[in-house]
Amino acid sequence: MTNLTAATEARQLAQAQLEQADKEWRQAIREEVARGKSYAQIAEVAGITRGRVAQIIHENR
């Protein structure tokens, strides 16, 4: 079970890191909107659609 235990721990760590990165990414998007950037500008840099930018801005997280 050592390999399974190690793999499980690595997976849990990776998931936590992904969740933190996602939180920071969403916050960065909100900050760019607050700075006056357009949804189109943000979408281009973030690799998402303008509609997705709008969803992120209006979500309650």
N, C-alpha and C. Protein backbone atom coordinates (compact mmCIF):
# COMPACT_ATOMS: atom_id res chain seq x y z
N MET A 1 0.81 -1.21 0.00
CA MET A 1 0.00 0.00 0.00
C MET A 1 0.85 1.27 0.00
N THR A 2 2.15 1.14 0.12
CA THR A 2 3.00 2.33 0.17
C THR A 2 2.85 3.19 -1.08
N ASN A 3 2.83 2.56 -2.25
CA ASN A 3 2.68 3.32 -3.49
C ASN A 3 1.32 4.00 -3.55
N LEU A 4 0.29 3.30 -3.11
CA LEU A 4 -1.06 3.88 -3.11
C LEU A 4 -1.15 5.03 -2.13
N THR A 5 -0.57 4.86 -0.96
CA THR A 5 -0.58 5.92 0.04
C THR A 5 0.14 7.16 -0.49
N ALA A 6 1.30 6.97 -1.06
CA ALA A 6 2.09 8.08 -1.60
C ALA A 6 1.34 8.76 -2.74
N ALA A 7 0.75 7.97 -3.61
CA ALA A 7 0.01 8.54 -4.74
C ALA A 7 -1.21 9.31 -4.26
N THR A 8 -1.88 8.80 -3.25
CA THR A 8 -3.05 9.48 -2.70
C THR A 8 -2.65 10.80 -2.07
N GLU A 9 -1.57 10.80 -1.31
CA GLU A 9 -1.08 12.04 -0.70
C GLU A 9 -0.67 13.06 -1.76
N ALA A 10 0.00 12.60 -2.80
CA ALA A 10 0.41 13.49 -3.90
C ALA A 10 -0.80 14.07 -4.60
N ARG A 11 -1.83 13.26 -4.79
CA ARG A 11 -3.07 13.71 -5.43
C ARG A 11 -3.76 14.76 -4.58
N GLN A 12 -3.81 14.54 -3.28
CA GLN A 12 -4.44 15.50 -2.37
C GLN A 12 -3.70 16.83 -2.38
N LEU A 13 -2.38 16.77 -2.37
CA LEU A 13 -1.58 17.99 -2.42
C LEU A 13 -1.80 18.73 -3.73
N ALA A 14 -1.80 18.01 -4.83
CA ALA A 14 -2.02 18.64 -6.14
C ALA A 14 -3.40 19.29 -6.21
N GLN A 15 -4.40 18.64 -5.66
CA GLN A 15 -5.76 19.20 -5.65
C GLN A 15 -5.80 20.49 -4.84
N ALA A 16 -5.16 20.51 -3.69
CA ALA A 16 -5.12 21.71 -2.86
C ALA A 16 -4.40 22.85 -3.58
N GLN A 17 -3.32 22.53 -4.27
CA GLN A 17 -2.57 23.54 -5.02
C GLN A 17 -3.41 24.08 -6.17
N LEU A 18 -4.14 23.21 -6.85
CA LEU A 18 -5.01 23.64 -7.94
C LEU A 18 -6.10 24.57 -7.43
N GLU A 19 -6.70 24.22 -6.32
CA GLU A 19 -7.75 25.05 -5.74
C GLU A 19 -7.22 26.43 -5.37
N GLN A 20 -6.02 26.49 -4.81
CA GLN A 20 -5.42 27.78 -4.46
C GLN A 20 -5.10 28.59 -5.72
N ALA A 21 -4.54 27.95 -6.73
CA ALA A 21 -4.22 28.64 -7.98
C ALA A 21 -5.49 29.18 -8.63
N ASP A 22 -6.57 28.40 -8.60
CA ASP A 22 -7.83 28.83 -9.19
C ASP A 22 -8.38 30.05 -8.43
N LYS A 23 -8.29 30.03 -7.13
CA LYS A 23 -8.74 31.17 -6.32
C LYS A 23 -7.96 32.43 -6.68
N GLU A 24 -6.65 32.30 -6.80
CA GLU A 24 -5.79 33.44 -7.15
C GLU A 24 -6.09 33.93 -8.56
N TRP A 25 -6.33 33.02 -9.49
CA TRP A 25 -6.64 33.37 -10.87
C TRP A 25 -7.94 34.16 -10.95
N ARG A 26 -8.97 33.69 -10.24
CA ARG A 26 -10.25 34.38 -10.22
C ARG A 26 -10.11 35.77 -9.60
N GLN A 27 -9.32 35.88 -8.55
CA GLN A 27 -9.10 37.17 -7.91
C GLN A 27 -8.37 38.12 -8.86
N ALA A 28 -7.40 37.60 -9.59
CA ALA A 28 -6.66 38.43 -10.56
C ALA A 28 -7.60 38.95 -11.64
N ILE A 29 -8.54 38.13 -12.07
CA ILE A 29 -9.52 38.57 -13.06
C ILE A 29 -10.36 39.71 -12.48
N ARG A 30 -10.83 39.55 -11.25
CA ARG A 30 -11.62 40.61 -10.61
C ARG A 30 -10.82 41.90 -10.47
N GLU A 31 -9.55 41.77 -10.14
CA GLU A 31 -8.69 42.95 -9.99
C GLU A 31 -8.52 43.68 -11.32
N GLU A 32 -8.39 42.94 -12.40
CA GLU A 32 -8.25 43.58 -13.71
C GLU A 32 -9.52 44.33 -14.10
N VAL A 33 -10.67 43.78 -13.77
CA VAL A 33 -11.93 44.49 -14.02
C VAL A 33 -11.96 45.78 -13.19
N ALA A 34 -11.55 45.69 -11.94
CA ALA A 34 -11.53 46.87 -11.07
C ALA A 34 -10.57 47.94 -11.60
N ARG A 35 -9.53 47.53 -12.32
CA ARG A 35 -8.58 48.47 -12.91
C ARG A 35 -9.09 49.06 -14.22
N GLY A 36 -10.25 48.59 -14.66
CA GLY A 36 -10.84 49.16 -15.86
C GLY A 36 -10.60 48.39 -17.14
N LYS A 37 -10.00 47.22 -17.04
CA LYS A 37 -9.79 46.42 -18.25
C LYS A 37 -11.13 45.89 -18.75
N SER A 38 -11.25 45.75 -20.05
CA SER A 38 -12.49 45.23 -20.63
C SER A 38 -12.53 43.71 -20.48
N TYR A 39 -13.74 43.19 -20.54
CA TYR A 39 -13.90 41.73 -20.49
C TYR A 39 -13.16 41.09 -21.65
N ALA A 40 -13.18 41.73 -22.80
CA ALA A 40 -12.49 41.19 -23.98
C ALA A 40 -10.98 41.11 -23.75
N GLN A 41 -10.41 42.16 -23.16
CA GLN A 41 -8.97 42.16 -22.89
C GLN A 41 -8.60 41.05 -21.91
N ILE A 42 -9.38 40.93 -20.86
CA ILE A 42 -9.13 39.92 -19.84
C ILE A 42 -9.28 38.52 -20.43
N ALA A 43 -10.34 38.33 -21.20
CA ALA A 43 -10.60 37.02 -21.81
C ALA A 43 -9.45 36.59 -22.71
N GLU A 44 -8.93 37.51 -23.47
CA GLU A 44 -7.82 37.19 -24.38
C GLU A 44 -6.60 36.71 -23.60
N VAL A 45 -6.24 37.42 -22.56
CA VAL A 45 -5.07 37.06 -21.77
C VAL A 45 -5.29 35.76 -21.00
N ALA A 46 -6.49 35.58 -20.45
CA ALA A 46 -6.78 34.41 -19.63
C ALA A 46 -7.12 33.17 -20.45
N GLY A 47 -7.37 33.35 -21.73
CA GLY A 47 -7.69 32.21 -22.58
C GLY A 47 -9.10 31.68 -22.36
N ILE A 48 -10.02 32.59 -22.04
CA ILE A 48 -11.42 32.23 -21.82
C ILE A 48 -12.30 33.19 -22.62
N THR A 49 -13.59 32.97 -22.60
CA THR A 49 -14.50 33.86 -23.32
C THR A 49 -14.89 35.05 -22.45
N ARG A 50 -15.40 36.09 -23.10
CA ARG A 50 -15.91 37.25 -22.35
C ARG A 50 -17.06 36.84 -21.44
N GLY A 51 -17.87 35.91 -21.91
CA GLY A 51 -18.97 35.42 -21.10
C GLY A 51 -18.49 34.74 -19.83
N ARG A 52 -17.38 34.01 -19.94
CA ARG A 52 -16.82 33.35 -18.75
C ARG A 52 -16.26 34.38 -17.79
N VAL A 53 -15.67 35.43 -18.31
CA VAL A 53 -15.20 36.52 -17.44
C VAL A 53 -16.38 37.07 -16.66
N ALA A 54 -17.48 37.33 -17.33
CA ALA A 54 -18.67 37.85 -16.66
C ALA A 54 -19.15 36.90 -15.57
N GLN A 55 -19.16 35.61 -15.85
CA GLN A 55 -19.58 34.63 -14.84
C GLN A 55 -18.68 34.70 -13.62
N ILE A 56 -17.39 34.79 -13.83
CA ILE A 56 -16.44 34.83 -12.71
C ILE A 56 -16.64 36.10 -11.88
N ILE A 57 -16.87 37.22 -12.56
CA ILE A 57 -17.07 38.49 -11.86
C ILE A 57 -18.32 38.44 -10.99
N HIS A 58 -19.34 37.77 -11.45
CA HIS A 58 -20.63 37.77 -10.76
C HIS A 58 -20.86 36.58 -9.84
N GLU A 59 -19.91 35.66 -9.76
CA GLU A 59 -20.11 34.51 -8.89
C GLU A 59 -19.82 34.87 -7.44
N ASN A 60 -20.43 34.12 -6.56
CA ASN A 60 -20.21 34.33 -5.13
C ASN A 60 -19.30 33.24 -4.59
N ARG A 61 -18.03 33.55 -4.53
CA ARG A 61 -17.04 32.59 -4.00
C ARG A 61 -16.35 33.21 -2.85
